Amino acid sequence: MDDDAAKATLLQYLTSAREALLWKLEGLSEYDVRRPLTPTGTNLLGLVTHLACVEAGYLGGVLGRPFPEPMPWDDPDAEPDDDLWARPEESREDVLGRYARATAHADATVAALDLDTTGEVPWWPEDRHRPTLHTLLVHVLAEVARHAGHADVLREGVDGAAGLRRGSDNLTRPDAAAFAAHRERVEQAARRAAGR
């Protein structure tokens, strides 16, 4: 597979994961996109903030193409996890706009460089701290897909909405009653296996 075909395939999957992530925020209140939904504080808009940093960093600065805007994790006074939530003064549109600009910058980097171009990730182990664009693209794709999965589970917990993407939810059951019956079957199997 040539460079262009490999890039196209990787970007196709990356774009799909990005779209799935953003779809999980649609239709939710300002509170629901921001509130912590796990004991560690994971929240939907924070996932977008984090991934803007990831894409701008790994498919930008690491390859000598710095993103022109400051990012939360670049602040020398940043606290741990400052890239995993949205400040009250940041609107949803601000966060989504920054993510759109970060992904456009990342895509431009991919278009401009060959897959064997090397970058430098000083916080990675010595034997891996000079990865290729190809490795970085796979890393970012995995990161976005992982967090899109988090967003899917979080959204289901907020209002029951589930599925792969708009227009193709990829769900195996036709309605809530069928899912409730399936859930009960799984619960009973777990109880039997645990001797309860």
N, C-alpha and C. Protein backbone atom coordinates (compact mmCIF):
# COMPACT_ATOMS: atom_id res chain seq x y z
N MET A 1 0.85 -1.18 0.00
CA MET A 1 0.00 0.00 0.00
C MET A 1 0.90 1.23 0.00
N ASP A 2 0.61 2.17 -0.89
CA ASP A 2 1.43 3.38 -0.94
C ASP A 2 1.04 4.34 0.18
N ASP A 3 1.88 5.36 0.38
CA ASP A 3 1.68 6.35 1.45
C ASP A 3 0.29 6.97 1.40
N ASP A 4 -0.14 7.41 0.22
CA ASP A 4 -1.43 8.09 0.11
C ASP A 4 -2.58 7.17 0.48
N ALA A 5 -2.53 5.93 0.05
CA ALA A 5 -3.60 4.98 0.38
C ALA A 5 -3.60 4.67 1.87
N ALA A 6 -2.42 4.50 2.45
CA ALA A 6 -2.33 4.24 3.89
C ALA A 6 -2.85 5.43 4.69
N LYS A 7 -2.46 6.64 4.29
CA LYS A 7 -2.96 7.85 4.97
C LYS A 7 -4.48 7.93 4.87
N ALA A 8 -5.00 7.67 3.68
CA ALA A 8 -6.45 7.75 3.47
C ALA A 8 -7.19 6.77 4.37
N THR A 9 -6.68 5.57 4.50
CA THR A 9 -7.32 4.57 5.36
C THR A 9 -7.27 5.00 6.81
N LEU A 10 -6.10 5.42 7.28
CA LEU A 10 -5.98 5.84 8.67
C LEU A 10 -6.86 7.06 8.96
N LEU A 11 -6.89 8.03 8.04
CA LEU A 11 -7.72 9.22 8.25
C LEU A 11 -9.21 8.89 8.19
N GLN A 12 -9.58 7.93 7.38
CA GLN A 12 -10.99 7.51 7.32
C GLN A 12 -11.44 7.00 8.69
N TYR A 13 -10.65 6.13 9.30
CA TYR A 13 -11.01 5.60 10.61
C TYR A 13 -10.91 6.67 11.70
N LEU A 14 -9.92 7.54 11.60
CA LEU A 14 -9.79 8.62 12.57
C LEU A 14 -10.98 9.56 12.48
N THR A 15 -11.38 9.92 11.28
CA THR A 15 -12.53 10.80 11.09
C THR A 15 -13.80 10.17 11.64
N SER A 16 -13.98 8.89 11.41
CA SER A 16 -15.15 8.18 11.93
C SER A 16 -15.18 8.21 13.46
N ALA A 17 -14.04 8.00 14.09
CA ALA A 17 -13.96 8.03 15.56
C ALA A 17 -14.23 9.44 16.08
N ARG A 18 -13.70 10.45 15.39
CA ARG A 18 -13.96 11.85 15.79
C ARG A 18 -15.45 12.15 15.74
N GLU A 19 -16.09 11.74 14.65
CA GLU A 19 -17.52 12.01 14.48
C GLU A 19 -18.35 11.29 15.55
N ALA A 20 -17.97 10.06 15.87
CA ALA A 20 -18.68 9.31 16.91
C ALA A 20 -18.58 10.03 18.25
N LEU A 21 -17.39 10.52 18.57
CA LEU A 21 -17.19 11.26 19.82
C LEU A 21 -18.09 12.49 19.88
N LEU A 22 -18.07 13.29 18.83
CA LEU A 22 -18.83 14.54 18.84
C LEU A 22 -20.34 14.30 18.86
N TRP A 23 -20.78 13.23 18.21
CA TRP A 23 -22.20 12.90 18.21
C TRP A 23 -22.71 12.66 19.62
N LYS A 24 -21.86 12.17 20.50
CA LYS A 24 -22.29 11.86 21.87
C LYS A 24 -22.63 13.11 22.68
N LEU A 25 -22.24 14.28 22.22
CA LEU A 25 -22.56 15.52 22.92
C LEU A 25 -23.85 16.15 22.42
N GLU A 26 -24.30 15.75 21.24
CA GLU A 26 -25.46 16.38 20.62
C GLU A 26 -26.72 16.18 21.44
N GLY A 27 -27.47 17.27 21.61
CA GLY A 27 -28.75 17.21 22.28
C GLY A 27 -28.69 17.22 23.79
N LEU A 28 -27.49 17.25 24.36
CA LEU A 28 -27.37 17.27 25.83
C LEU A 28 -27.31 18.70 26.34
N SER A 29 -27.75 18.87 27.57
CA SER A 29 -27.69 20.18 28.22
C SER A 29 -26.24 20.57 28.49
N GLU A 30 -26.06 21.85 28.78
CA GLU A 30 -24.73 22.35 29.13
C GLU A 30 -24.20 21.62 30.36
N TYR A 31 -25.05 21.38 31.32
CA TYR A 31 -24.65 20.66 32.52
C TYR A 31 -24.22 19.24 32.19
N ASP A 32 -25.02 18.54 31.41
CA ASP A 32 -24.72 17.14 31.13
C ASP A 32 -23.45 16.93 30.31
N VAL A 33 -23.07 17.88 29.46
CA VAL A 33 -21.81 17.69 28.72
C VAL A 33 -20.59 18.01 29.58
N ARG A 34 -20.80 18.69 30.71
CA ARG A 34 -19.69 19.13 31.55
C ARG A 34 -19.55 18.35 32.86
N ARG A 35 -20.63 17.78 33.35
CA ARG A 35 -20.60 17.21 34.71
C ARG A 35 -19.76 15.93 34.76
N PRO A 36 -19.11 15.70 35.90
CA PRO A 36 -18.34 14.46 36.05
C PRO A 36 -19.29 13.26 36.10
N LEU A 37 -18.98 12.26 35.29
CA LEU A 37 -19.84 11.09 35.18
C LEU A 37 -19.18 9.82 35.71
N THR A 38 -17.98 9.95 36.23
CA THR A 38 -17.27 8.84 36.86
C THR A 38 -16.60 9.36 38.13
N PRO A 39 -16.18 8.47 39.01
CA PRO A 39 -15.48 8.91 40.23
C PRO A 39 -14.18 9.69 39.93
N THR A 40 -13.58 9.48 38.77
CA THR A 40 -12.34 10.20 38.43
C THR A 40 -12.62 11.52 37.73
N GLY A 41 -13.89 11.87 37.52
CA GLY A 41 -14.24 13.15 36.94
C GLY A 41 -14.42 13.15 35.43
N THR A 42 -14.38 12.01 34.79
CA THR A 42 -14.52 11.96 33.33
C THR A 42 -15.85 12.58 32.91
N ASN A 43 -15.77 13.45 31.91
CA ASN A 43 -16.95 14.15 31.41
C ASN A 43 -16.83 14.31 29.91
N LEU A 44 -17.94 14.48 29.24
CA LEU A 44 -17.96 14.47 27.78
C LEU A 44 -17.18 15.63 27.16
N LEU A 45 -17.41 16.85 27.61
CA LEU A 45 -16.72 17.98 27.01
C LEU A 45 -15.22 17.94 27.35
N GLY A 46 -14.90 17.38 28.51
CA GLY A 46 -13.49 17.21 28.87
C GLY A 46 -12.77 16.25 27.94
N LEU A 47 -13.46 15.21 27.47
CA LEU A 47 -12.85 14.29 26.50
C LEU A 47 -12.49 15.04 25.22
N VAL A 48 -13.35 15.95 24.80
CA VAL A 48 -13.07 16.74 23.59
C VAL A 48 -11.88 17.66 23.84
N THR A 49 -11.83 18.30 25.00
CA THR A 49 -10.69 19.16 25.35
C THR A 49 -9.39 18.36 25.32
N HIS A 50 -9.42 17.20 25.94
CA HIS A 50 -8.24 16.33 25.98
C HIS A 50 -7.80 15.95 24.57
N LEU A 51 -8.74 15.54 23.74
CA LEU A 51 -8.37 15.09 22.40
C LEU A 51 -7.90 16.22 21.51
N ALA A 52 -8.35 17.44 21.75
CA ALA A 52 -7.79 18.58 21.02
C ALA A 52 -6.30 18.69 21.35
N CYS A 53 -5.95 18.53 22.61
CA CYS A 53 -4.54 18.57 23.02
C CYS A 53 -3.76 17.42 22.39
N VAL A 54 -4.33 16.22 22.40
CA VAL A 54 -3.68 15.04 21.85
C VAL A 54 -3.39 15.24 20.36
N GLU A 55 -4.42 15.65 19.61
CA GLU A 55 -4.24 15.79 18.16
C GLU A 55 -3.27 16.93 17.83
N ALA A 56 -3.41 18.05 18.52
CA ALA A 56 -2.51 19.18 18.26
C ALA A 56 -1.07 18.83 18.64
N GLY A 57 -0.91 18.04 19.69
CA GLY A 57 0.43 17.68 20.14
C GLY A 57 1.08 16.62 19.28
N TYR A 58 0.43 15.47 19.16
CA TYR A 58 1.05 14.35 18.46
C TYR A 58 1.07 14.52 16.95
N LEU A 59 0.07 15.19 16.39
CA LEU A 59 0.05 15.40 14.94
C LEU A 59 0.28 16.88 14.64
N GLY A 60 1.13 17.48 15.43
CA GLY A 60 1.49 18.88 15.28
C GLY A 60 2.87 19.12 15.86
N GLY A 61 2.88 19.52 17.12
CA GLY A 61 4.13 19.91 17.78
C GLY A 61 5.20 18.84 17.77
N VAL A 62 4.84 17.59 17.98
CA VAL A 62 5.80 16.48 18.00
C VAL A 62 6.52 16.35 16.66
N LEU A 63 5.85 16.79 15.60
CA LEU A 63 6.41 16.69 14.25
C LEU A 63 6.96 18.03 13.74
N GLY A 64 7.19 18.96 14.66
CA GLY A 64 7.75 20.25 14.28
C GLY A 64 6.74 21.18 13.62
N ARG A 65 5.45 20.92 13.82
CA ARG A 65 4.39 21.74 13.25
C ARG A 65 3.46 22.18 14.40
N PRO A 66 3.94 23.07 15.27
CA PRO A 66 3.16 23.42 16.45
C PRO A 66 1.80 24.05 16.12
N PHE A 67 0.82 23.68 16.91
CA PHE A 67 -0.51 24.25 16.79
C PHE A 67 -0.43 25.68 17.29
N PRO A 68 -1.03 26.65 16.59
CA PRO A 68 -0.81 28.06 16.92
C PRO A 68 -1.57 28.59 18.14
N GLU A 69 -2.36 27.76 18.79
CA GLU A 69 -3.12 28.23 19.95
C GLU A 69 -2.61 27.55 21.22
N PRO A 70 -2.70 28.24 22.34
CA PRO A 70 -2.31 27.59 23.60
C PRO A 70 -3.29 26.46 23.94
N MET A 71 -2.76 25.41 24.52
CA MET A 71 -3.58 24.28 24.94
C MET A 71 -3.45 24.11 26.46
N PRO A 72 -4.50 23.58 27.09
CA PRO A 72 -4.47 23.45 28.56
C PRO A 72 -3.23 22.74 29.09
N TRP A 73 -2.76 21.69 28.43
CA TRP A 73 -1.63 20.96 29.01
C TRP A 73 -0.28 21.62 28.71
N ASP A 74 -0.30 22.70 27.91
CA ASP A 74 0.93 23.44 27.64
C ASP A 74 1.22 24.50 28.70
N ASP A 75 0.23 24.84 29.50
CA ASP A 75 0.39 25.87 30.52
C ASP A 75 1.34 25.37 31.60
N PRO A 76 2.44 26.10 31.86
CA PRO A 76 3.39 25.64 32.88
C PRO A 76 2.77 25.55 34.29
N ASP A 77 1.67 26.26 34.51
CA ASP A 77 0.99 26.21 35.81
C ASP A 77 -0.18 25.22 35.82
N ALA A 78 -0.29 24.43 34.75
CA ALA A 78 -1.41 23.49 34.66
C ALA A 78 -1.31 22.45 35.78
N GLU A 79 -2.47 22.13 36.30
CA GLU A 79 -2.57 21.05 37.28
C GLU A 79 -2.80 19.74 36.55
N PRO A 80 -2.56 18.62 37.21
CA PRO A 80 -2.87 17.34 36.56
C PRO A 80 -4.33 17.33 36.10
N ASP A 81 -4.55 16.80 34.93
CA ASP A 81 -5.89 16.65 34.35
C ASP A 81 -6.55 17.97 33.94
N ASP A 82 -5.80 19.04 33.82
CA ASP A 82 -6.37 20.31 33.37
C ASP A 82 -6.86 20.24 31.92
N ASP A 83 -6.45 19.21 31.21
CA ASP A 83 -6.92 19.03 29.83
C ASP A 83 -8.16 18.13 29.77
N LEU A 84 -8.72 17.78 30.91
CA LEU A 84 -9.83 16.83 30.93
C LEU A 84 -11.14 17.43 31.44
N TRP A 85 -11.27 18.75 31.34
CA TRP A 85 -12.53 19.40 31.69
C TRP A 85 -12.57 20.76 31.01
N ALA A 86 -13.75 21.33 30.97
CA ALA A 86 -13.94 22.65 30.36
C ALA A 86 -14.24 23.67 31.45
N ARG A 87 -13.54 24.80 31.38
CA ARG A 87 -13.74 25.87 32.36
C ARG A 87 -15.12 26.49 32.16
N PRO A 88 -15.70 27.05 33.22
CA PRO A 88 -17.03 27.65 33.09
C PRO A 88 -17.08 28.77 32.06
N GLU A 89 -15.97 29.49 31.90
CA GLU A 89 -15.95 30.60 30.94
C GLU A 89 -15.78 30.15 29.49
N GLU A 90 -15.46 28.88 29.29
CA GLU A 90 -15.36 28.33 27.94
C GLU A 90 -16.72 27.80 27.50
N SER A 91 -17.23 28.31 26.41
CA SER A 91 -18.51 27.79 25.92
C SER A 91 -18.29 26.45 25.23
N ARG A 92 -19.37 25.73 25.06
CA ARG A 92 -19.30 24.48 24.30
C ARG A 92 -18.76 24.77 22.90
N GLU A 93 -19.22 25.87 22.31
CA GLU A 93 -18.74 26.25 20.98
C GLU A 93 -17.24 26.53 20.96
N ASP A 94 -16.72 27.14 22.04
CA ASP A 94 -15.28 27.38 22.15
C ASP A 94 -14.51 26.05 22.10
N VAL A 95 -14.97 25.10 22.91
CA VAL A 95 -14.28 23.81 23.01
C VAL A 95 -14.39 23.04 21.69
N LEU A 96 -15.58 22.99 21.12
CA LEU A 96 -15.76 22.28 19.85
C LEU A 96 -15.01 22.97 18.72
N GLY A 97 -14.97 24.29 18.74
CA GLY A 97 -14.21 25.03 17.72
C GLY A 97 -12.72 24.75 17.82
N ARG A 98 -12.20 24.73 19.04
CA ARG A 98 -10.77 24.42 19.22
C ARG A 98 -10.48 23.01 18.72
N TYR A 99 -11.38 22.06 19.01
CA TYR A 99 -11.17 20.69 18.53
C TYR A 99 -11.20 20.64 17.00
N ALA A 100 -12.12 21.36 16.39
CA ALA A 100 -12.19 21.40 14.92
C ALA A 100 -10.90 21.97 14.34
N ARG A 101 -10.39 23.02 14.95
CA ARG A 101 -9.14 23.62 14.45
C ARG A 101 -7.96 22.67 14.69
N ALA A 102 -7.93 21.99 15.83
CA ALA A 102 -6.85 21.03 16.11
C ALA A 102 -6.88 19.87 15.13
N THR A 103 -8.07 19.37 14.82
CA THR A 103 -8.15 18.24 13.88
C THR A 103 -7.80 18.69 12.46
N ALA A 104 -8.18 19.90 12.10
CA ALA A 104 -7.80 20.42 10.77
C ALA A 104 -6.28 20.57 10.69
N HIS A 105 -5.67 21.04 11.77
CA HIS A 105 -4.21 21.17 11.81
C HIS A 105 -3.55 19.79 11.72
N ALA A 106 -4.10 18.83 12.44
CA ALA A 106 -3.58 17.46 12.40
C ALA A 106 -3.69 16.90 10.98
N ASP A 107 -4.84 17.08 10.36
CA ASP A 107 -5.03 16.58 9.00
C ASP A 107 -4.07 17.24 8.01
N ALA A 108 -3.81 18.53 8.20
CA ALA A 108 -2.87 19.23 7.34
C ALA A 108 -1.45 18.68 7.53
N THR A 109 -1.10 18.35 8.75
CA THR A 109 0.20 17.74 9.02
C THR A 109 0.32 16.41 8.30
N VAL A 110 -0.71 15.59 8.40
CA VAL A 110 -0.70 14.29 7.73
C VAL A 110 -0.56 14.47 6.22
N ALA A 111 -1.26 15.44 5.67
CA ALA A 111 -1.19 15.68 4.23
C ALA A 111 0.20 16.17 3.80
N ALA A 112 0.85 16.94 4.66
CA ALA A 112 2.12 17.57 4.29
C ALA A 112 3.33 16.65 4.43
N LEU A 113 3.24 15.62 5.28
CA LEU A 113 4.42 14.82 5.58
C LEU A 113 4.28 13.39 5.08
N ASP A 114 5.40 12.74 4.85
CA ASP A 114 5.41 11.32 4.52
C ASP A 114 5.21 10.51 5.80
N LEU A 115 4.68 9.32 5.64
CA LEU A 115 4.44 8.47 6.81
C LEU A 115 5.71 8.07 7.53
N ASP A 116 6.85 8.08 6.85
CA ASP A 116 8.10 7.72 7.53
C ASP A 116 8.83 8.93 8.14
N THR A 117 8.21 10.11 8.10
CA THR A 117 8.77 11.29 8.77
C THR A 117 8.81 11.02 10.27
N THR A 118 9.92 11.34 10.90
CA THR A 118 10.03 11.10 12.34
C THR A 118 9.80 12.37 13.14
N GLY A 119 9.24 12.18 14.30
CA GLY A 119 9.04 13.25 15.25
C GLY A 119 9.80 12.93 16.52
N GLU A 120 9.55 13.72 17.54
CA GLU A 120 10.20 13.45 18.83
C GLU A 120 9.18 13.60 19.95
N VAL A 121 9.03 12.53 20.73
CA VAL A 121 8.13 12.52 21.89
C VAL A 121 9.00 12.27 23.11
N PRO A 122 9.53 13.34 23.72
CA PRO A 122 10.49 13.18 24.81
C PRO A 122 9.95 12.45 26.03
N TRP A 123 8.64 12.44 26.22
CA TRP A 123 8.06 11.77 27.39
C TRP A 123 7.83 10.28 27.15
N TRP A 124 8.07 9.80 25.94
CA TRP A 124 8.00 8.37 25.67
C TRP A 124 9.35 7.73 26.03
N PRO A 125 9.38 6.41 26.25
CA PRO A 125 10.64 5.74 26.57
C PRO A 125 11.70 5.97 25.47
N GLU A 126 12.93 5.96 25.88
CA GLU A 126 14.06 6.24 24.98
C GLU A 126 14.00 5.42 23.69
N ASP A 127 13.64 4.16 23.78
CA ASP A 127 13.65 3.32 22.58
C ASP A 127 12.49 3.61 21.63
N ARG A 128 11.54 4.47 22.06
CA ARG A 128 10.39 4.80 21.21
C ARG A 128 10.18 6.29 21.04
N HIS A 129 11.04 7.13 21.54
CA HIS A 129 10.75 8.56 21.56
C HIS A 129 10.95 9.28 20.22
N ARG A 130 11.33 8.54 19.16
CA ARG A 130 11.43 9.14 17.82
C ARG A 130 10.53 8.37 16.85
N PRO A 131 9.21 8.45 17.05
CA PRO A 131 8.29 7.68 16.20
C PRO A 131 8.08 8.34 14.84
N THR A 132 7.60 7.52 13.93
CA THR A 132 7.24 8.03 12.60
C THR A 132 5.83 8.61 12.64
N LEU A 133 5.51 9.37 11.60
CA LEU A 133 4.15 9.88 11.45
C LEU A 133 3.16 8.70 11.44
N HIS A 134 3.53 7.62 10.80
CA HIS A 134 2.65 6.45 10.77
C HIS A 134 2.33 5.98 12.18
N THR A 135 3.35 5.83 13.02
CA THR A 135 3.15 5.41 14.40
C THR A 135 2.31 6.41 15.16
N LEU A 136 2.57 7.69 14.95
CA LEU A 136 1.81 8.73 15.64
C LEU A 136 0.35 8.74 15.21
N LEU A 137 0.11 8.51 13.94
CA LEU A 137 -1.28 8.44 13.44
C LEU A 137 -2.02 7.27 14.08
N VAL A 138 -1.37 6.13 14.16
CA VAL A 138 -1.99 4.97 14.80
C VAL A 138 -2.24 5.27 16.28
N HIS A 139 -1.27 5.91 16.94
CA HIS A 139 -1.43 6.28 18.35
C HIS A 139 -2.63 7.19 18.55
N VAL A 140 -2.75 8.22 17.73
CA VAL A 140 -3.86 9.17 17.85
C VAL A 140 -5.19 8.49 17.53
N LEU A 141 -5.21 7.67 16.50
CA LEU A 141 -6.43 6.93 16.16
C LEU A 141 -6.88 6.07 17.35
N ALA A 142 -5.94 5.37 17.97
CA ALA A 142 -6.28 4.54 19.13
C ALA A 142 -6.79 5.40 20.28
N GLU A 143 -6.18 6.54 20.50
CA GLU A 143 -6.59 7.44 21.58
C GLU A 143 -7.99 7.99 21.34
N VAL A 144 -8.26 8.44 20.12
CA VAL A 144 -9.58 8.99 19.82
C VAL A 144 -10.64 7.89 19.91
N ALA A 145 -10.35 6.71 19.37
CA ALA A 145 -11.31 5.61 19.43
C ALA A 145 -11.59 5.20 20.88
N ARG A 146 -10.54 5.16 21.69
CA ARG A 146 -10.71 4.81 23.11
C ARG A 146 -11.65 5.80 23.80
N HIS A 147 -11.42 7.09 23.57
CA HIS A 147 -12.24 8.09 24.24
C HIS A 147 -13.63 8.20 23.62
N ALA A 148 -13.77 7.90 22.35
CA ALA A 148 -15.11 7.82 21.76
C ALA A 148 -15.91 6.70 22.43
N GLY A 149 -15.24 5.61 22.74
CA GLY A 149 -15.89 4.52 23.49
C GLY A 149 -16.29 4.96 24.88
N HIS A 150 -15.42 5.72 25.54
CA HIS A 150 -15.79 6.28 26.84
C HIS A 150 -17.03 7.15 26.71
N ALA A 151 -17.04 8.00 25.69
CA ALA A 151 -18.17 8.90 25.48
C ALA A 151 -19.45 8.12 25.22
N ASP A 152 -19.35 7.01 24.51
CA ASP A 152 -20.51 6.18 24.22
C ASP A 152 -21.12 5.66 25.53
N VAL A 153 -20.28 5.14 26.39
CA VAL A 153 -20.76 4.60 27.67
C VAL A 153 -21.30 5.73 28.55
N LEU A 154 -20.59 6.85 28.60
CA LEU A 154 -21.06 7.97 29.42
C LEU A 154 -22.43 8.46 28.95
N ARG A 155 -22.58 8.61 27.64
CA ARG A 155 -23.85 9.11 27.10
C ARG A 155 -24.98 8.14 27.41
N GLU A 156 -24.73 6.85 27.29
CA GLU A 156 -25.77 5.88 27.61
C GLU A 156 -26.20 6.03 29.08
N GLY A 157 -25.24 6.33 29.95
CA GLY A 157 -25.57 6.53 31.36
C GLY A 157 -26.35 7.80 31.62
N VAL A 158 -26.17 8.82 30.79
CA VAL A 158 -26.88 10.09 30.98
C VAL A 158 -28.35 9.96 30.58
N ASP A 159 -28.61 9.46 29.37
CA ASP A 159 -29.99 9.46 28.89
C ASP A 159 -30.39 8.21 28.11
N GLY A 160 -29.53 7.19 28.14
CA GLY A 160 -29.87 5.94 27.46
C GLY A 160 -29.52 5.91 25.98
N ALA A 161 -29.10 7.04 25.42
CA ALA A 161 -28.76 7.07 24.00
C ALA A 161 -27.50 6.22 23.77
N ALA A 162 -27.56 5.36 22.76
CA ALA A 162 -26.44 4.48 22.46
C ALA A 162 -26.33 4.30 20.96
N GLY A 163 -25.20 3.81 20.52
CA GLY A 163 -25.03 3.51 19.12
C GLY A 163 -23.70 3.98 18.59
N LEU A 164 -23.39 3.51 17.40
CA LEU A 164 -22.10 3.76 16.78
C LEU A 164 -21.99 5.17 16.21
N ARG A 165 -22.96 5.54 15.37
CA ARG A 165 -22.93 6.88 14.77
C ARG A 165 -24.32 7.23 14.24
N ARG A 166 -24.51 8.50 13.98
CA ARG A 166 -25.78 8.97 13.45
C ARG A 166 -26.09 8.23 12.15
N GLY A 167 -27.29 7.74 12.03
CA GLY A 167 -27.69 7.06 10.81
C GLY A 167 -27.34 5.59 10.76
N SER A 168 -26.51 5.14 11.69
CA SER A 168 -26.13 3.73 11.75
C SER A 168 -25.75 3.40 13.18
N ASP A 169 -26.77 3.12 14.00
CA ASP A 169 -26.47 2.93 15.42
C ASP A 169 -25.79 1.59 15.71
N ASN A 170 -25.91 0.62 14.81
CA ASN A 170 -25.23 -0.66 14.94
C ASN A 170 -25.69 -1.45 16.18
N LEU A 171 -26.87 -1.13 16.69
CA LEU A 171 -27.37 -1.84 17.86
C LEU A 171 -28.05 -3.13 17.42
N THR A 172 -27.99 -4.14 18.29
CA THR A 172 -28.46 -5.48 17.94
C THR A 172 -29.90 -5.75 18.36
N ARG A 173 -30.50 -4.86 19.11
CA ARG A 173 -31.85 -5.09 19.60
C ARG A 173 -32.76 -3.97 19.10
N PRO A 174 -34.04 -4.27 18.87
CA PRO A 174 -34.92 -3.28 18.25
C PRO A 174 -35.44 -2.17 19.16
N ASP A 175 -35.43 -2.41 20.49
CA ASP A 175 -36.02 -1.40 21.38
C ASP A 175 -35.55 -1.61 22.82
N ALA A 176 -35.99 -0.68 23.68
CA ALA A 176 -35.57 -0.71 25.08
C ALA A 176 -36.02 -1.99 25.79
N ALA A 177 -37.20 -2.48 25.47
CA ALA A 177 -37.69 -3.70 26.11
C ALA A 177 -36.78 -4.89 25.78
N ALA A 178 -36.35 -4.98 24.54
CA ALA A 178 -35.46 -6.07 24.14
C ALA A 178 -34.12 -5.95 24.85
N PHE A 179 -33.62 -4.74 24.99
CA PHE A 179 -32.36 -4.55 25.72
C PHE A 179 -32.54 -4.88 27.20
N ALA A 180 -33.67 -4.52 27.77
CA ALA A 180 -33.92 -4.84 29.18
C ALA A 180 -33.95 -6.35 29.40
N ALA A 181 -34.58 -7.07 28.49
CA ALA A 181 -34.60 -8.53 28.60
C ALA A 181 -33.20 -9.11 28.47
N HIS A 182 -32.42 -8.58 27.55
CA HIS A 182 -31.04 -9.04 27.37
C HIS A 182 -30.22 -8.74 28.63
N ARG A 183 -30.37 -7.52 29.16
CA ARG A 183 -29.64 -7.14 30.36
C ARG A 183 -29.98 -8.08 31.51
N GLU A 184 -31.24 -8.41 31.66
CA GLU A 184 -31.66 -9.32 32.74
C GLU A 184 -31.04 -10.70 32.54
N ARG A 185 -30.98 -11.17 31.30
CA ARG A 185 -30.37 -12.48 31.02
C ARG A 185 -28.88 -12.46 31.42
N VAL A 186 -28.19 -11.38 31.10
CA VAL A 186 -26.78 -11.25 31.46
C VAL A 186 -26.63 -11.18 32.97
N GLU A 187 -27.51 -10.42 33.65
CA GLU A 187 -27.47 -10.32 35.11
C GLU A 187 -27.66 -11.68 35.76
N GLN A 188 -28.61 -12.45 35.27
CA GLN A 188 -28.86 -13.78 35.84
C GLN A 188 -27.67 -14.72 35.62
N ALA A 189 -27.05 -14.64 34.45
CA ALA A 189 -25.87 -15.46 34.18
C ALA A 189 -24.73 -15.09 35.12
N ALA A 190 -24.55 -13.79 35.37
CA ALA A 190 -23.50 -13.34 36.29
C ALA A 190 -23.77 -13.85 37.71
N ARG A 191 -25.02 -13.77 38.13
CA ARG A 191 -25.38 -14.25 39.48
C ARG A 191 -25.12 -15.75 39.61
N ARG A 192 -25.52 -16.51 38.59
CA ARG A 192 -25.30 -17.97 38.65
C ARG A 192 -23.80 -18.28 38.68
N ALA A 193 -23.03 -17.60 37.85
CA ALA A 193 -21.59 -17.85 37.81
C ALA A 193 -20.92 -17.51 39.12
N ALA A 194 -21.46 -16.49 39.81
CA ALA A 194 -20.88 -16.05 41.09
C ALA A 194 -21.48 -16.81 42.28
N GLY A 195 -22.39 -17.73 42.01
CA GLY A 195 -23.00 -18.51 43.08
C GLY A 195 -23.98 -17.74 43.91
N ARG A 196 -24.64 -16.76 43.32
CA ARG A 196 -25.59 -15.92 44.07
C ARG A 196 -27.01 -16.33 43.79
